[in-house]
Amino acid sequence: MNTLSLTDISTFFNFLSSDNKEIFTCTVMNADSSRVIAGHGSVFWNITSILEEFPRLHEAHQATLHVCLNQTGFGGRKLKDIQACRVLCVDLDRLVGTEEIKDIIEKYH
């Protein structure tokens, strides 16, 4: 059984938003992420709900939690549902200096 760290989960969501009442669009899937846990295809939870609900689902189903990093209109995780960007993820394949990173952030912010 995989160990579930509520501290790590809290840290992740606090990185995405410092507002504990902010709602996140999530999907709860089985252990290998091949199917949705019934009734949990799109759930809209704040950090308190995540810390209360997900451990129960994880224990019962070895569930995994998939989170939309963007803010949505609570219809799902598709492009039409995205309302704002929370974070910018960048995959860099080379060493990049601080100034270049600042330029990248400015370009997409």
C-alpha atoms as a PDB file:
ATOM      1  CA  MET A   1       0.000   0.000   0.000  1.00  0.00           C
ATOM      2  CA  ASN A   2       1.339   3.458  -0.924  1.00  0.00           C
ATOM      3  CA  THR A   3       1.909   5.815   1.975  1.00  0.00           C
ATOM      4  CA  LEU A   4      -0.277   8.896   1.902  1.00  0.00           C
ATOM      5  CA  SER A   5       1.264  12.090   3.308  1.00  0.00           C
ATOM      6  CA  LEU A   6      -1.306  14.700   4.276  1.00  0.00           C
ATOM      7  CA  THR A   7       1.579  17.106   4.897  1.00  0.00           C
ATOM      8  CA  ASP A   8       2.784  16.705   1.297  1.00  0.00           C
ATOM      9  CA  ILE A   9      -0.762  17.164  -0.004  1.00  0.00           C
ATOM     10  CA  SER A  10      -1.173  20.339   2.084  1.00  0.00           C
ATOM     11  CA  THR A  11       2.164  21.691   0.868  1.00  0.00           C
ATOM     12  CA  PHE A  12       1.212  21.081  -2.776  1.00  0.00           C
ATOM     13  CA  PHE A  13      -2.143  22.849  -2.506  1.00  0.00           C
ATOM     14  CA  ASN A  14      -0.694  25.731  -0.483  1.00  0.00           C
ATOM     15  CA  PHE A  15       1.799  26.208  -3.320  1.00  0.00           C
ATOM     16  CA  LEU A  16      -1.087  26.481  -5.795  1.00  0.00           C
ATOM     17  CA  SER A  17      -3.063  28.888  -3.616  1.00  0.00           C
ATOM     18  CA  SER A  18      -2.699  30.460  -0.193  1.00  0.00           C
ATOM     19  CA  ASP A  19      -6.521  30.723   0.043  1.00  0.00           C
ATOM     20  CA  ASN A  20      -7.769  27.670   1.977  1.00  0.00           C
ATOM     21  CA  LYS A  21     -11.267  28.260   0.608  1.00  0.00           C
ATOM     22  CA  GLU A  22     -10.203  28.138  -3.050  1.00  0.00           C
ATOM     23  CA  ILE A  23     -11.902  25.320  -4.945  1.00  0.00           C
ATOM     24  CA  PHE A  24      -9.831  22.901  -7.029  1.00  0.00           C
ATOM     25  CA  THR A  25     -11.107  20.753  -9.877  1.00  0.00           C
ATOM     26  CA  CYS A  26      -9.967  17.170  -9.288  1.00  0.00           C
ATOM     27  CA  THR A  27     -10.480  13.648 -10.578  1.00  0.00           C
ATOM     28  CA  VAL A  28     -10.045  10.608  -8.353  1.00  0.00           C
ATOM     29  CA  MET A  29      -8.750   7.533 -10.181  1.00  0.00           C
ATOM     30  CA  ASN A  30      -7.669   3.988  -9.327  1.00  0.00           C
ATOM     31  CA  ALA A  31      -4.085   3.102  -8.371  1.00  0.00           C
ATOM     32  CA  ASP A  32      -2.723   2.944 -11.926  1.00  0.00           C
ATOM     33  CA  SER A  33      -4.820   5.914 -13.113  1.00  0.00           C
ATOM     34  CA  SER A  34      -6.591   3.773 -15.705  1.00  0.00           C
ATOM     35  CA  ARG A  35     -10.167   4.426 -14.540  1.00  0.00           C
ATOM     36  CA  VAL A  36     -12.158   6.972 -12.577  1.00  0.00           C
ATOM     37  CA  ILE A  37     -13.498   6.022  -9.153  1.00  0.00           C
ATOM     38  CA  ALA A  38     -17.306   6.031  -9.571  1.00  0.00           C
ATOM     39  CA  GLY A  39     -18.817   9.405  -8.717  1.00  0.00           C
ATOM     40  CA  HIS A  40     -15.452  11.168  -8.696  1.00  0.00           C
ATOM     41  CA  GLY A  41     -14.831  12.056 -12.358  1.00  0.00           C
ATOM     42  CA  SER A  42     -14.944  15.769 -11.600  1.00  0.00           C
ATOM     43  CA  VAL A  43     -14.999  16.830  -7.985  1.00  0.00           C
ATOM     44  CA  PHE A  44     -14.663  20.383  -6.737  1.00  0.00           C
ATOM     45  CA  TRP A  45     -12.923  20.457  -3.366  1.00  0.00           C
ATOM     46  CA  ASN A  46     -11.152  23.011  -1.223  1.00  0.00           C
ATOM     47  CA  ILE A  47      -8.069  21.937   0.745  1.00  0.00           C
ATOM     48  CA  THR A  48     -10.171  20.966   3.792  1.00  0.00           C
ATOM     49  CA  SER A  49     -12.386  18.702   1.673  1.00  0.00           C
ATOM     50  CA  ILE A  50      -9.349  17.165  -0.021  1.00  0.00           C
ATOM     51  CA  LEU A  51      -7.720  16.357   3.326  1.00  0.00           C
ATOM     52  CA  GLU A  52     -10.977  14.829   4.604  1.00  0.00           C
ATOM     53  CA  GLU A  53     -12.252  12.978   1.507  1.00  0.00           C
ATOM     54  CA  PHE A  54      -9.170  11.797  -0.356  1.00  0.00           C
ATOM     55  CA  PRO A  55      -7.588   9.679   2.431  1.00  0.00           C
ATOM     56  CA  ARG A  56     -10.807   7.638   2.686  1.00  0.00           C
ATOM     57  CA  LEU A  57     -10.862   7.059  -1.083  1.00  0.00           C
ATOM     58  CA  HIS A  58      -7.147   6.296  -1.136  1.00  0.00           C
ATOM     59  CA  GLU A  59      -7.536   3.660   1.549  1.00  0.00           C
ATOM     60  CA  ALA A  60     -10.611   2.050  -0.025  1.00  0.00           C
ATOM     61  CA  HIS A  61      -9.422   2.073  -3.657  1.00  0.00           C
ATOM     62  CA  GLN A  62      -5.685   2.892  -3.604  1.00  0.00           C
ATOM     63  CA  ALA A  63      -6.961   6.021  -5.339  1.00  0.00           C
ATOM     64  CA  THR A  64      -4.820   8.656  -7.002  1.00  0.00           C
ATOM     65  CA  LEU A  65      -5.731  12.344  -7.073  1.00  0.00           C
ATOM     66  CA  HIS A  66      -5.462  14.256 -10.353  1.00  0.00           C
ATOM     67  CA  VAL A  67      -5.669  18.029 -10.003  1.00  0.00           C
ATOM     68  CA  CYS A  68      -6.286  20.643 -12.673  1.00  0.00           C
ATOM     69  CA  LEU A  69      -3.562  23.216 -12.048  1.00  0.00           C
ATOM     70  CA  ASN A  70      -5.644  25.937 -13.677  1.00  0.00           C
ATOM     71  CA  GLN A  71      -8.708  27.629 -12.205  1.00  0.00           C
ATOM     72  CA  THR A  72     -11.888  26.329 -13.823  1.00  0.00           C
ATOM     73  CA  GLY A  73     -15.551  27.288 -14.065  1.00  0.00           C
ATOM     74  CA  PHE A  74     -16.417  23.999 -12.286  1.00  0.00           C
ATOM     75  CA  GLY A  75     -17.654  22.221 -15.388  1.00  0.00           C
ATOM     76  CA  GLY A  76     -14.652  19.947 -15.761  1.00  0.00           C
ATOM     77  CA  ARG A  77     -11.013  20.094 -16.834  1.00  0.00           C
ATOM     78  CA  LYS A  78     -11.356  20.736 -20.567  1.00  0.00           C
ATOM     79  CA  LEU A  79     -10.027  23.852 -22.295  1.00  0.00           C
ATOM     80  CA  LYS A  80     -13.535  25.391 -22.386  1.00  0.00           C
ATOM     81  CA  ASP A  81     -13.651  25.159 -18.557  1.00  0.00           C
ATOM     82  CA  ILE A  82     -10.320  26.935 -17.894  1.00  0.00           C
ATOM     83  CA  GLN A  83     -10.747  30.471 -16.573  1.00  0.00           C
ATOM     84  CA  ALA A  84      -7.293  31.381 -15.272  1.00  0.00           C
ATOM     85  CA  CYS A  85      -3.785  30.000 -14.956  1.00  0.00           C
ATOM     86  CA  ARG A  86      -2.464  29.239 -11.452  1.00  0.00           C
ATOM     87  CA  VAL A  87       1.047  28.134 -12.403  1.00  0.00           C
ATOM     88  CA  LEU A  88       3.312  27.991 -15.423  1.00  0.00           C
ATOM     89  CA  CYS A  89       5.084  24.651 -15.889  1.00  0.00           C
ATOM     90  CA  VAL A  90       8.268  24.725 -17.932  1.00  0.00           C
ATOM     91  CA  ASP A  91      10.350  21.742 -19.015  1.00  0.00           C
ATOM     92  CA  LEU A  92      13.890  22.995 -19.573  1.00  0.00           C
ATOM     93  CA  ASP A  93      16.412  20.697 -21.211  1.00  0.00           C
ATOM     94  CA  ARG A  94      19.375  22.954 -20.588  1.00  0.00           C
ATOM     95  CA  LEU A  95      20.810  25.210 -17.896  1.00  0.00           C
ATOM     96  CA  VAL A  96      18.918  28.519 -17.933  1.00  0.00           C
ATOM     97  CA  GLY A  97      20.004  31.704 -16.195  1.00  0.00           C
ATOM     98  CA  THR A  98      17.831  33.767 -13.862  1.00  0.00           C
ATOM     99  CA  GLU A  99      17.329  36.558 -16.404  1.00  0.00           C
ATOM    100  CA  GLU A 100      16.108  34.147 -19.067  1.00  0.00           C
ATOM    101  CA  ILE A 101      13.681  32.583 -16.575  1.00  0.00           C
ATOM    102  CA  LYS A 102      12.353  36.072 -15.739  1.00  0.00           C
ATOM    103  CA  ASP A 103      11.843  36.710 -19.468  1.00  0.00           C
ATOM    104  CA  ILE A 104       9.933  33.423 -19.841  1.00  0.00           C
ATOM    105  CA  ILE A 105       7.699  34.255 -16.875  1.00  0.00           C
ATOM    106  CA  GLU A 106       7.014  37.783 -18.183  1.00  0.00           C
ATOM    107  CA  LYS A 107       6.130  36.432 -21.613  1.00  0.00           C
ATOM    108  CA  TYR A 108       3.461  34.077 -20.274  1.00  0.00           C
ATOM    109  CA  HIS A 109       2.203  35.945 -17.203  1.00  0.00           C
END
